Protein backbone atom coordinates (compact mmCIF):
# COMPACT_ATOMS: atom_id res chain seq x y z
CA UNK A 1 -20.23 20.40 26.58
CA UNK A 2 -19.75 17.05 28.29
CA UNK A 3 -21.47 13.83 27.28
CA UNK A 4 -23.74 13.59 30.35
CA UNK A 5 -25.20 17.05 29.74
CA UNK A 6 -25.64 16.24 26.07
CA UNK A 7 -27.66 13.12 26.91
CA UNK A 8 -29.89 15.17 29.24
CA UNK A 9 -30.50 17.72 26.47
CA UNK A 10 -31.42 14.96 24.05
CA UNK A 11 -33.89 13.55 26.57
CA UNK A 12 -35.46 17.00 26.93
CA UNK A 13 -35.67 17.45 23.18
CA UNK A 14 -33.29 20.41 23.25
CA UNK A 15 -30.52 18.69 21.25
CA UNK A 16 -30.58 16.22 18.38
CA UNK A 17 -29.52 12.59 18.55
CA UNK A 18 -25.84 13.36 17.97
CA UNK A 19 -23.71 14.48 20.90
CA UNK A 20 -24.14 18.22 21.31
CA UNK A 21 -21.23 20.10 19.84
CA UNK A 22 -20.46 17.30 17.37
CA UNK A 23 -21.16 17.96 13.70
CA UNK A 24 -21.30 14.39 12.45
CA UNK A 25 -23.68 15.08 9.59
CA UNK A 26 -26.88 13.28 8.58
CA UNK A 27 -25.13 10.46 6.71
CA UNK A 28 -23.01 9.36 9.66
CA UNK A 29 -24.00 7.24 12.61
CA UNK A 30 -22.49 5.75 15.75
CA UNK A 31 -20.91 2.83 13.87
CA UNK A 32 -18.99 5.16 11.52
CA UNK A 33 -15.42 6.14 12.37
CA UNK A 34 -14.39 9.51 10.94
CA UNK A 35 -10.62 9.85 10.61
CA UNK A 36 -8.91 13.14 9.89
CA UNK A 37 -5.79 13.31 7.77
CA UNK A 38 -3.87 15.98 5.92
CA UNK A 39 -2.79 13.92 2.93
CA UNK A 40 -5.15 12.64 0.25
CA UNK A 41 -3.79 9.51 -1.44
CA UNK A 42 -2.78 9.91 -5.04
CA UNK A 43 -3.70 6.28 -5.51
CA UNK A 44 -4.72 3.20 -3.54
CA UNK A 45 -2.86 0.86 -5.86
CA UNK A 46 -0.47 -0.86 -3.42
CA UNK A 47 2.47 -0.99 -5.83
CA UNK A 48 2.24 2.76 -6.50
CA UNK A 49 1.86 4.03 -2.94
CA UNK A 50 4.82 5.88 -1.41
CA UNK A 51 3.27 7.62 1.62
CA UNK A 52 2.66 5.77 4.90
CA UNK A 53 -0.75 7.44 5.34
CA UNK A 54 -1.92 5.92 2.06
CA UNK A 55 -0.46 2.53 2.95
CA UNK A 56 -2.49 2.60 6.15
CA UNK A 57 -5.71 3.06 4.17
CA UNK A 58 -4.76 0.39 1.64
CA UNK A 59 -4.15 -2.06 4.51
CA UNK A 60 -7.89 -1.90 5.28
CA UNK A 61 -8.68 -2.89 1.68
CA UNK A 62 -6.02 -5.50 0.97
CA UNK A 63 -4.55 -8.37 2.97
CA UNK A 64 -1.22 -10.12 3.11
CA UNK A 65 -0.67 -13.85 3.36
CA UNK A 66 -0.07 -13.47 7.09
CA UNK A 67 -0.86 -10.91 9.78
CA UNK A 68 2.35 -9.53 11.27
CA UNK A 69 2.28 -9.25 15.06
CA UNK A 70 3.43 -6.36 17.23
CA UNK A 71 6.77 -8.05 18.05
CA UNK A 72 7.67 -7.72 14.32
CA UNK A 73 8.88 -11.34 14.27
CA UNK A 74 5.78 -13.54 14.60
CA UNK A 75 2.74 -14.02 12.38
CA UNK A 76 -0.84 -15.27 12.41
CA UNK A 77 -2.91 -16.60 9.53
CA UNK A 78 -4.59 -14.13 7.21
CA UNK A 79 -5.08 -15.08 3.55
CA UNK A 80 -2.92 -18.12 4.27
CA UNK A 81 -4.16 -20.55 6.92
CA UNK A 82 -0.84 -22.38 7.27
CA UNK A 83 2.81 -22.18 6.23
CA UNK A 84 5.85 -24.45 6.51
CA UNK A 85 9.53 -24.72 5.59
CA UNK A 86 11.14 -27.40 3.44
CA UNK A 87 13.79 -29.68 4.98
CA UNK A 88 16.61 -27.45 3.67
CA UNK A 89 14.76 -24.25 4.71
CA UNK A 90 15.06 -22.80 1.20
CA UNK A 91 11.37 -23.17 0.38
CA UNK A 92 8.36 -21.77 2.24
CA UNK A 93 4.96 -23.21 1.39
CA UNK A 94 1.72 -21.30 2.07
CA UNK A 95 -1.72 -22.91 2.07
CA UNK A 96 -4.44 -20.36 1.34
CA UNK A 97 -7.91 -20.20 2.84
CA UNK A 98 -10.42 -21.67 0.41
CA UNK A 99 -13.07 -19.08 1.37
CA UNK A 100 -11.01 -15.93 0.66
CA UNK A 101 -12.69 -13.69 -1.92
CA UNK A 102 -12.03 -10.42 -3.70
CA UNK A 103 -14.68 -7.79 -3.06
CA UNK A 104 -16.10 -8.50 -6.56
CA UNK A 105 -16.73 -12.10 -5.50
CA UNK A 106 -13.86 -13.78 -7.36
CA UNK A 107 -11.77 -16.27 -5.31
CA UNK A 108 -8.29 -15.43 -4.06
CA UNK A 109 -5.92 -18.06 -5.46
CA UNK A 110 -2.30 -19.12 -5.47
CA UNK A 111 -2.10 -17.65 -8.97
CA UNK A 112 -2.81 -14.21 -7.46
CA UNK A 113 0.17 -14.71 -5.14
CA UNK A 114 2.53 -15.57 -7.99
CA UNK A 115 1.19 -12.68 -10.10
CA UNK A 116 1.79 -10.26 -7.20
CA UNK A 117 5.42 -11.38 -6.89
CA UNK A 118 5.90 -10.94 -10.64
CA UNK A 119 4.55 -7.40 -10.47
CA UNK A 120 6.61 -6.50 -7.41
CA UNK A 121 9.85 -7.66 -9.04
CA UNK A 122 9.19 -6.29 -12.51
CA UNK A 123 11.67 -3.47 -13.14
CA UNK A 124 9.13 -1.83 -15.48
CA UNK A 125 6.79 -1.42 -12.53
CA UNK A 126 9.64 -0.31 -10.23
CA UNK A 127 7.91 -1.09 -6.94
CA UNK A 128 9.97 0.91 -4.39
CA UNK A 129 10.23 -2.07 -2.02
CA UNK A 130 11.34 -4.57 -4.67
CA UNK A 131 14.64 -5.23 -2.86
CA UNK A 132 12.65 -7.12 -0.21
CA UNK A 133 12.05 -9.84 -2.79
CA UNK A 134 15.68 -10.00 -3.96
CA UNK A 135 16.31 -13.53 -2.65
CA UNK A 136 13.07 -15.09 -3.84
CA UNK A 137 14.10 -16.86 -7.04
CA UNK A 138 10.64 -18.14 -7.93
CA UNK A 139 7.07 -18.46 -6.70
CA UNK A 140 5.49 -21.75 -7.72
CA UNK A 141 1.77 -22.48 -7.91
CA UNK A 142 1.26 -26.06 -6.72
CA UNK A 143 -2.53 -25.98 -6.88
CA UNK A 144 -5.37 -23.47 -6.50
CA UNK A 145 -4.65 -22.88 -2.82
CA UNK A 146 -0.98 -23.85 -2.43
CA UNK A 147 2.00 -21.69 -3.35
CA UNK A 148 5.72 -22.20 -2.73
CA UNK A 149 8.31 -19.43 -2.38
CA UNK A 150 11.76 -20.64 -3.48
CA UNK A 151 14.68 -18.74 -1.92
CA UNK A 152 18.31 -18.63 -3.02
CA UNK A 153 19.54 -18.25 0.58
CA UNK A 154 18.37 -18.87 4.11
CA UNK A 155 17.80 -15.93 6.45
CA UNK A 156 15.93 -14.79 9.54
CA UNK A 157 13.39 -13.01 7.38
CA UNK A 158 12.25 -15.50 4.76
CA UNK A 159 8.65 -15.57 6.00
CA UNK A 160 8.55 -11.78 6.31
CA UNK A 161 10.06 -11.32 2.84
CA UNK A 162 7.50 -13.66 1.31
CA UNK A 163 4.72 -11.95 3.25
CA UNK A 164 5.68 -8.34 2.62
CA UNK A 165 3.33 -6.61 0.21
CA UNK A 166 -0.41 -7.18 -0.07
CA UNK A 167 -1.81 -9.64 -2.60
CA UNK A 168 -3.12 -8.19 -5.89
CA UNK A 169 -6.02 -9.45 -8.08
CA UNK A 170 -4.61 -11.11 -11.18
CA UNK A 171 -8.01 -11.28 -12.89
CA UNK A 172 -8.21 -7.48 -12.94
CA UNK A 173 -4.60 -6.44 -13.43
CA UNK A 174 -3.01 -9.10 -15.65
CA UNK A 175 -4.26 -7.37 -18.80
CA UNK A 176 -2.84 -3.99 -17.79
CA UNK A 177 0.57 -3.29 -19.40
CA UNK A 178 3.19 -3.22 -16.67
CA UNK A 179 4.38 0.23 -17.70
CA UNK A 180 0.83 1.51 -17.08
CA UNK A 181 0.12 -0.41 -13.89
CA UNK A 182 0.91 2.38 -11.42
CA UNK A 183 -1.38 4.84 -13.18
CA UNK A 184 -4.19 2.41 -14.05
CA UNK A 185 -7.79 3.29 -13.04
CA UNK A 186 -7.55 0.48 -10.47
CA UNK A 187 -5.74 2.94 -8.18
CA UNK A 188 -8.91 5.02 -7.85
CA UNK A 189 -11.32 2.06 -7.81
CA UNK A 190 -9.44 -0.76 -6.09
CA UNK A 191 -10.87 -4.23 -5.61
CA UNK A 192 -9.39 -5.79 -2.50
CA UNK A 193 -9.79 -8.74 -0.17
CA UNK A 194 -9.65 -7.01 3.22
CA UNK A 195 -12.26 -6.14 5.84
CA UNK A 196 -13.33 -2.97 4.02
CA UNK A 197 -14.05 -1.93 0.45
CA UNK A 198 -13.97 1.50 -1.18
CA UNK A 199 -17.50 2.82 -1.66
CA UNK A 200 -16.89 6.52 -2.28
CA UNK A 201 -14.03 8.86 -3.15
CA UNK A 202 -14.75 12.57 -3.35
CA UNK A 203 -11.52 14.13 -4.61
CA UNK A 204 -10.16 16.69 -2.20
CA UNK A 205 -12.82 15.86 0.38
CA UNK A 206 -13.05 12.30 1.65
CA UNK A 207 -12.80 8.56 1.12
CA UNK A 208 -15.48 6.24 2.47
CA UNK A 209 -14.79 2.59 3.25
CA UNK A 210 -17.59 0.15 4.09
CA UNK A 211 -17.47 -3.34 5.49
CA UNK A 212 -16.67 -5.83 2.75
CA UNK A 213 -19.46 -8.46 2.62
CA UNK A 214 -17.10 -10.88 0.83
CA UNK A 215 -14.46 -10.68 3.58
CA UNK A 216 -13.58 -14.14 4.86
CA UNK A 217 -12.41 -13.04 8.33
CA UNK A 218 -14.30 -11.75 11.35
CA UNK A 219 -16.24 -8.66 10.29
CA UNK A 220 -15.19 -5.50 12.14
CA UNK A 221 -17.84 -3.91 14.35
CA UNK A 222 -17.19 -0.50 12.79
CA UNK A 223 -19.38 -0.48 9.70
CA UNK A 224 -17.77 2.42 7.90
CA UNK A 225 -14.51 4.33 7.99
CA UNK A 226 -14.56 7.84 6.53
CA UNK A 227 -11.19 9.49 5.91
CA UNK A 228 -11.54 13.27 5.67
CA UNK A 229 -8.85 15.28 3.94
CA UNK A 230 -8.07 18.49 5.80
CA UNK A 231 -4.80 20.00 4.54
CA UNK A 232 -4.40 22.47 7.39
CA UNK A 233 -3.15 20.97 10.68
CA UNK A 234 -4.78 23.66 12.85
CA UNK A 235 -8.14 23.02 11.20
CA UNK A 236 -7.75 19.28 11.74
CA UNK A 237 -7.31 19.77 15.49
CA UNK A 238 -10.24 22.19 15.55
CA UNK A 239 -12.42 19.55 13.86
CA UNK A 240 -11.44 16.99 16.48
CA UNK A 241 -12.31 19.52 19.19
CA UNK A 242 -15.67 20.18 17.51
CA UNK A 243 -16.52 16.49 17.16
CA UNK A 244 -16.42 16.58 13.37
CA UNK A 245 -13.82 13.82 13.34
CA UNK A 246 -13.41 10.89 15.71
CA UNK A 247 -9.75 10.01 15.33
CA UNK A 248 -6.65 12.07 14.68
CA UNK A 249 -3.12 10.69 14.65
CA UNK A 250 0.16 12.49 15.17
CA UNK A 251 -1.13 15.10 17.59
CA UNK A 252 1.37 17.62 18.88
CA UNK A 253 2.05 18.01 22.59
CA UNK A 254 0.88 21.61 22.28
CA UNK A 255 -2.55 20.40 21.09
CA UNK A 256 -3.38 18.27 24.12
CA UNK A 257 -4.51 20.89 26.62
CA UNK A 258 -6.84 22.56 24.15
CA UNK A 259 -8.40 19.26 23.10
CA UNK A 260 -9.05 18.15 26.67
CA UNK A 261 -10.50 21.56 27.63
CA UNK A 262 -13.03 21.37 24.80
CA UNK A 263 -13.84 17.66 24.76
CA UNK A 264 -13.71 15.44 27.83
CA UNK A 265 -14.88 12.51 25.68
CA UNK A 266 -11.63 12.25 23.72
CA UNK A 267 -9.07 9.65 24.75
CA UNK A 268 -5.43 10.60 24.23
CA UNK A 269 -3.43 7.47 23.51
CA UNK A 270 0.38 7.64 23.74
CA UNK A 271 2.29 4.74 22.25
CA UNK A 272 5.76 4.04 20.91
CA UNK A 273 5.89 4.73 17.22
CA UNK A 274 7.98 3.83 14.21
CA UNK A 275 8.41 7.50 13.35
CA UNK A 276 11.94 8.79 12.97
CA UNK A 277 12.53 12.56 12.84
CA UNK A 278 15.68 13.73 11.09
CA UNK A 279 17.28 16.20 8.73
CA UNK A 280 18.09 14.61 5.37
CA UNK A 281 21.19 15.98 3.62
CA UNK A 282 21.17 15.66 -0.16
CA UNK A 283 24.66 14.33 -0.80
CA UNK A 284 24.40 15.04 -4.52
CA UNK A 285 24.48 18.77 -3.77
CA UNK A 286 27.48 20.65 -2.45
CA UNK A 287 28.60 20.92 0.24
CA UNK A 288 26.63 17.98 1.71
CA UNK A 289 28.57 15.34 -0.18
CA UNK A 290 31.28 15.84 2.47
CA UNK A 291 30.73 13.76 5.64
CA UNK A 292 32.75 16.28 7.65
CA UNK A 293 30.33 19.03 6.66
CA UNK A 294 27.36 16.88 7.63
CA UNK A 295 28.96 16.11 11.01
CA UNK A 296 29.48 19.82 11.58
CA UNK A 297 25.79 20.42 10.82
CA UNK A 298 24.79 17.81 13.41
CA UNK A 299 27.16 19.30 15.98
CA UNK A 300 25.61 22.70 15.37
CA UNK A 301 22.03 21.50 15.92
CA UNK A 302 20.76 21.31 19.50
CA UNK A 303 18.76 18.09 19.22
CA UNK A 304 17.98 17.87 22.95
CA UNK A 305 16.70 21.44 22.86
CA UNK A 306 14.47 20.59 19.91
CA UNK A 307 13.03 17.61 21.79
CA UNK A 308 12.24 19.81 24.80
CA UNK A 309 10.73 22.65 22.79
CA UNK A 310 8.85 20.73 20.12
CA UNK A 311 7.69 17.51 21.80
CA UNK A 312 7.63 18.54 25.50
CA UNK A 313 8.89 15.14 26.60
CA UNK A 314 6.78 13.06 24.20
CA UNK A 315 9.84 11.93 22.25
CA UNK A 316 13.24 10.38 22.89
CA UNK A 317 16.73 10.99 21.47
CA UNK A 318 17.84 9.07 18.42
CA UNK A 319 21.19 7.85 17.10
CA UNK A 320 20.17 5.14 14.64
CA UNK A 321 17.86 4.42 11.71
CA UNK A 322 16.85 1.25 13.55
CA UNK A 323 14.34 1.81 16.32
CA UNK A 324 14.58 0.59 19.94
CA UNK A 325 11.48 -1.50 19.16
CA UNK A 326 13.64 -3.66 16.88
CA UNK A 327 15.85 -6.50 18.13
CA UNK A 328 18.96 -5.29 16.27
CA UNK A 329 18.96 -1.74 17.66
CA UNK A 330 22.36 -0.68 19.09
CA UNK A 331 21.78 1.48 22.21
CA UNK A 332 25.48 2.11 22.78
CA UNK A 333 26.05 4.64 19.97
CA UNK A 334 27.09 7.95 21.53
CA UNK A 335 25.53 11.02 19.93
CA UNK A 336 27.64 13.90 18.69
CA UNK A 337 27.49 16.63 21.32
CA UNK A 338 25.87 19.93 20.50
CA UNK A 339 28.54 22.64 20.39
CA UNK A 340 28.07 25.62 18.09
CA UNK A 341 31.66 26.78 18.51
CA UNK A 342 33.06 23.36 17.61
CA UNK A 343 30.75 23.17 14.59
CA UNK A 344 31.98 26.54 13.33
CA UNK A 345 35.61 25.57 13.97
CA UNK A 346 35.10 22.33 11.99
CA UNK A 347 33.75 24.30 9.04
CA UNK A 348 36.63 26.78 9.24
CA UNK A 349 39.04 23.85 9.14
CA UNK A 350 37.36 22.85 5.87
CA UNK A 351 38.11 26.27 4.39
CA UNK A 352 34.98 28.22 5.27
CA UNK A 353 35.65 31.77 6.50
CA UNK A 354 33.60 34.90 7.13
CA UNK A 355 35.67 36.90 4.67
CA UNK A 356 33.37 39.93 4.46
CA UNK A 357 32.23 40.16 8.09
CA UNK A 358 28.54 39.57 7.36
CA UNK A 359 28.32 36.73 9.88
CA UNK A 360 28.00 34.05 7.18
CA UNK A 361 30.88 31.73 6.35
CA UNK A 362 31.95 31.58 2.74
CA UNK A 363 34.37 29.63 0.57
CA UNK A 364 35.54 30.37 -2.94
CA UNK A 365 33.29 33.41 -2.98
CA UNK A 366 30.14 31.45 -2.14
CA UNK A 367 28.32 31.81 1.20
CA UNK A 368 27.39 28.73 3.22
CA UNK A 369 23.70 29.06 2.47
CA UNK A 370 21.10 26.39 1.77
CA UNK A 371 17.36 25.79 1.57
CA UNK A 372 15.80 23.63 4.27
CA UNK A 373 12.63 22.04 2.98
CA UNK A 374 9.77 21.31 5.40
CA UNK A 375 6.09 20.52 5.05
CA UNK A 376 3.54 22.71 6.77
CA UNK A 377 2.95 20.59 9.91
CA UNK A 378 3.56 23.00 12.77
CA UNK A 379 5.96 20.81 14.72
CA UNK A 380 8.18 20.34 11.67
CA UNK A 381 8.09 24.05 10.92
CA UNK A 382 9.13 24.62 14.54
CA UNK A 383 12.03 22.19 14.10
CA UNK A 384 13.17 23.98 10.94
CA UNK A 385 12.93 27.38 12.61
CA UNK A 386 15.01 26.22 15.57
CA UNK A 387 17.63 24.72 13.23
CA UNK A 388 17.74 27.98 11.29
CA UNK A 389 18.52 29.93 14.48
CA UNK A 390 21.02 27.37 15.78
CA UNK A 391 23.04 27.12 12.57
CA UNK A 392 23.11 30.89 12.29
CA UNK A 393 25.30 30.80 15.41
CA UNK A 394 27.70 28.61 13.41
CA UNK A 395 27.88 31.06 10.50
CA UNK A 396 25.46 29.14 8.26
CA UNK A 397 22.47 30.76 6.58
CA UNK A 398 19.40 28.52 6.40
CA UNK A 399 16.47 29.50 4.20
CA UNK A 400 13.40 27.62 5.45
CA UNK A 401 10.97 26.66 2.67
CA UNK A 402 7.53 25.58 3.96
CA UNK A 403 5.52 23.54 1.46
CA UNK A 404 2.20 21.73 1.15
CA UNK A 405 2.70 18.07 2.06
CA UNK A 406 2.20 16.52 -1.36
CA UNK A 407 4.50 18.97 -3.14
CA UNK A 408 7.09 18.54 -0.39
CA UNK A 409 7.08 14.74 -0.82
CA UNK A 410 7.38 15.11 -4.59
CA UNK A 411 10.48 17.29 -4.27
CA UNK A 412 12.14 14.94 -1.79
CA UNK A 413 11.52 11.84 -3.92
CA UNK A 414 12.78 13.77 -6.97
CA UNK A 415 15.88 14.72 -4.90
CA UNK A 416 15.15 18.34 -5.75
CA UNK A 417 16.28 19.83 -2.45
CA UNK A 418 19.36 20.75 -0.40
CA UNK A 419 18.21 19.52 2.99
CA UNK A 420 14.83 18.58 4.44
CA UNK A 421 13.18 18.02 7.80
CA UNK A 422 11.64 14.56 7.49
CA UNK A 423 9.56 12.19 9.57
CA UNK A 424 9.84 8.65 8.26
CA UNK A 425 7.93 5.57 9.37
CA UNK A 426 10.59 2.89 9.70
CA UNK A 427 9.75 -0.57 8.41
CA UNK A 428 9.26 -3.42 10.87
CA UNK A 429 11.91 -5.58 9.25
CA UNK A 430 15.51 -5.02 10.31
CA UNK A 431 16.84 -4.01 6.92
CA UNK A 432 18.64 -0.80 5.97
CA UNK A 433 18.60 -1.49 2.24
CA UNK A 434 15.74 0.80 1.26
CA UNK A 435 17.16 3.92 2.90
CA UNK A 436 20.93 3.47 2.73
CA UNK A 437 22.01 0.90 0.14
CA UNK A 438 23.66 2.26 -2.99
CA UNK A 439 21.26 0.12 -5.04
CA UNK A 440 18.28 1.92 -3.44
CA UNK A 441 19.20 5.41 -4.61
CA UNK A 442 16.26 7.12 -6.25
CA UNK A 443 14.25 6.11 -8.15
CA UNK A 444 15.00 2.45 -7.32
CA UNK A 445 14.25 2.79 -3.60
CA UNK A 446 13.95 5.36 -0.82
CA UNK A 447 17.60 6.40 -0.64
CA UNK A 448 16.61 9.99 -1.42
CA UNK A 449 19.89 11.42 -0.07
CA UNK A 450 22.20 9.76 -2.59
CA UNK A 451 24.12 7.96 0.17
CA UNK A 452 26.69 5.35 -0.87
CA UNK A 453 29.13 3.50 1.36
CA UNK A 454 30.45 0.15 0.03
CA UNK A 455 31.21 -1.01 3.57
CA UNK A 456 27.60 -0.40 4.63
CA UNK A 457 26.37 -2.15 1.48
CA UNK A 458 28.45 -5.19 2.39
CA UNK A 459 27.32 -5.23 6.03
CA UNK A 460 23.68 -5.06 4.96
CA UNK A 461 24.09 -7.96 2.54
CA UNK A 462 25.95 -10.08 5.08
CA UNK A 463 23.50 -9.34 7.90
CA UNK A 464 20.49 -10.21 5.77
CA UNK A 465 22.06 -13.57 4.88
CA UNK A 466 22.47 -14.64 8.52
CA UNK A 467 20.39 -17.30 10.21
CA UNK A 468 22.12 -16.71 13.56
CA UNK A 469 20.48 -13.74 15.29
CA UNK A 470 23.49 -12.86 17.43
CA UNK A 471 25.82 -12.79 14.44
CA UNK A 472 23.28 -10.71 12.52
CA UNK A 473 22.94 -8.30 15.46
CA UNK A 474 26.70 -7.73 15.50
CA UNK A 475 26.69 -6.92 11.79
CA UNK A 476 23.72 -4.58 12.14
CA UNK A 477 25.50 -2.82 14.98
CA UNK A 478 28.51 -2.22 12.73
CA UNK A 479 26.24 -0.88 10.00
CA UNK A 480 24.47 1.50 12.40
CA UNK A 481 27.81 2.80 13.67
CA UNK A 482 29.15 3.33 10.15
CA UNK A 483 26.01 5.23 9.16
CA UNK A 484 26.12 7.40 12.27
CA UNK A 485 29.75 8.22 11.56
CA UNK A 486 28.83 9.28 8.01
CA UNK A 487 25.90 11.44 9.23
CA UNK A 488 23.77 11.14 6.07
CA UNK A 489 20.96 12.21 8.39
CA UNK A 490 21.07 14.37 11.45
CA UNK A 491 19.03 12.09 13.70
CA UNK A 492 16.83 14.27 15.90
CA UNK A 493 14.24 12.24 17.77
CA UNK A 494 11.83 9.33 17.98
CA UNK A 495 8.47 11.03 18.56
CA UNK A 496 5.84 9.11 20.48
CA UNK A 497 2.54 8.56 18.71
CA UNK A 498 -0.20 10.74 20.21
CA UNK A 499 -3.65 9.79 18.96
CA UNK A 500 -6.94 11.40 19.88
CA UNK A 501 -10.00 9.16 19.59
CA UNK A 502 -13.64 9.61 20.60
CA UNK A 503 -14.39 7.45 23.65
CA UNK A 504 -17.41 6.08 21.79
CA UNK A 505 -14.85 3.54 20.60
CA UNK A 506 -13.43 1.06 23.14
CA UNK A 507 -10.50 -1.33 23.11
CA UNK A 508 -8.61 0.95 20.72
CA UNK A 509 -5.01 -0.20 20.85
CA UNK A 510 -2.83 1.45 18.21
CA UNK A 511 -0.03 -0.81 17.07
CA UNK A 512 3.46 0.28 16.01
CA UNK A 513 2.59 -1.45 12.73
CA UNK A 514 -0.45 0.77 12.10
CA UNK A 515 -3.15 2.56 14.06
CA UNK A 516 -5.72 0.26 12.43
CA UNK A 517 -3.87 -3.07 12.74
CA UNK A 518 -6.23 -4.27 15.47
CA UNK A 519 -9.41 -2.56 14.22
CA UNK A 520 -11.22 -5.93 14.31
CA UNK A 521 -10.91 -5.78 18.11
CA UNK A 522 -12.33 -2.27 18.46
CA UNK A 523 -15.74 -1.96 20.10
CA UNK A 524 -18.50 0.62 19.93
CA UNK A 525 -19.16 1.44 23.57
CA UNK A 526 -22.23 3.65 23.31
């Protein structure tokens, strides 16, 4: 039913005050945004979060010193109202707002900033992004509202490195033993300094955020944000179609026609994303420790065909872990061509043969057979199914294992898998440390494939130390090429972000940083 007809029915007393066909519930009103998601956070403690969906929620509760802009290189004031470099560029000083408050009313101080850095770099805590702070040798409190970050080297990313990670409340967390910090009750009852505060958490059902009355910035027009947990992707889309949720990210191309046929009041927003779709090969498990085997796998996977079949044009090919949105991306890397016969020949050259005529290659009496892990999002299941059929043509048996999202993430981070179809949200900083440096192998970082290449390690270190952007870009190009040659991932695609949102909300402009980055600018139209 369209909105005009619904309004007429309301006027006639035939329908209630909500739009007909929308089940918003008695507790919800026009100024509440209902967001659907499949993954319930395990915690909202920023140092314990590993999933991007949870980080996106936490970003509504907590603030950084500065607000990163969509170009990924510039910043605007947030908790800090000003910042400046020392004469030798080794120190960055931040001056905090004097009106910033935690949601419990306590002031945000420079001591909170130093405490946060101490937590982030404490090996007992093991914050997964700790490498970002590697070149900050100290954080000095000058006075209540002034803090200085002391670096041991100059780089293009000193401000971003200082800024990365939200600020934590020292007055609530200082007494918690560091070994217990990630599992502390704070994760289920966080006290933040952002535009929203947590007011309700029904396990397995929903999280409710309400406007934070202590927030020092401009209050968002949306009074409440309700995040509903709906594990099944089909049900999520059905709830958007029924008006039970207002916003749903990561729609599939196959969903669009059905949504538009059932609701003409849903905007479909298509934007570039930071999502990278790939197959991760666990190099600690045979035979994927061999780069030649991984290259053969990539050659045997029809990536262009997957893009056509799965995303219907709403994605682009990929050859690098750095995105085209980033200044250091190298567009000249040529992808390995899909050729099933060449892939099989490459494996035969490595000693794999179909010795018993069953169609599966084997070596030393063992068939080339592996489990391909995938979560239960339909597009990723489709990718895995296509890969299974394609590699079968190369003499490789793929056993697809579909798992619930949380269990799937747990197995990947535990490196308890052979190979996995993964979508990863790439960070906005040009830095390959977290995914590919030897030092970031699990559990220290997000190198969940066990990749190690001393040359890549050296290129990363050298590039991060550069102040000259052109020199840094050359080094990053070399690193991207070395990684592509090693094929630790089979890079598949860069999916576009497809977001459905009720047109009751205006000026909704999803950012590559986060869908909710510009929520302060959103308007309630009617």
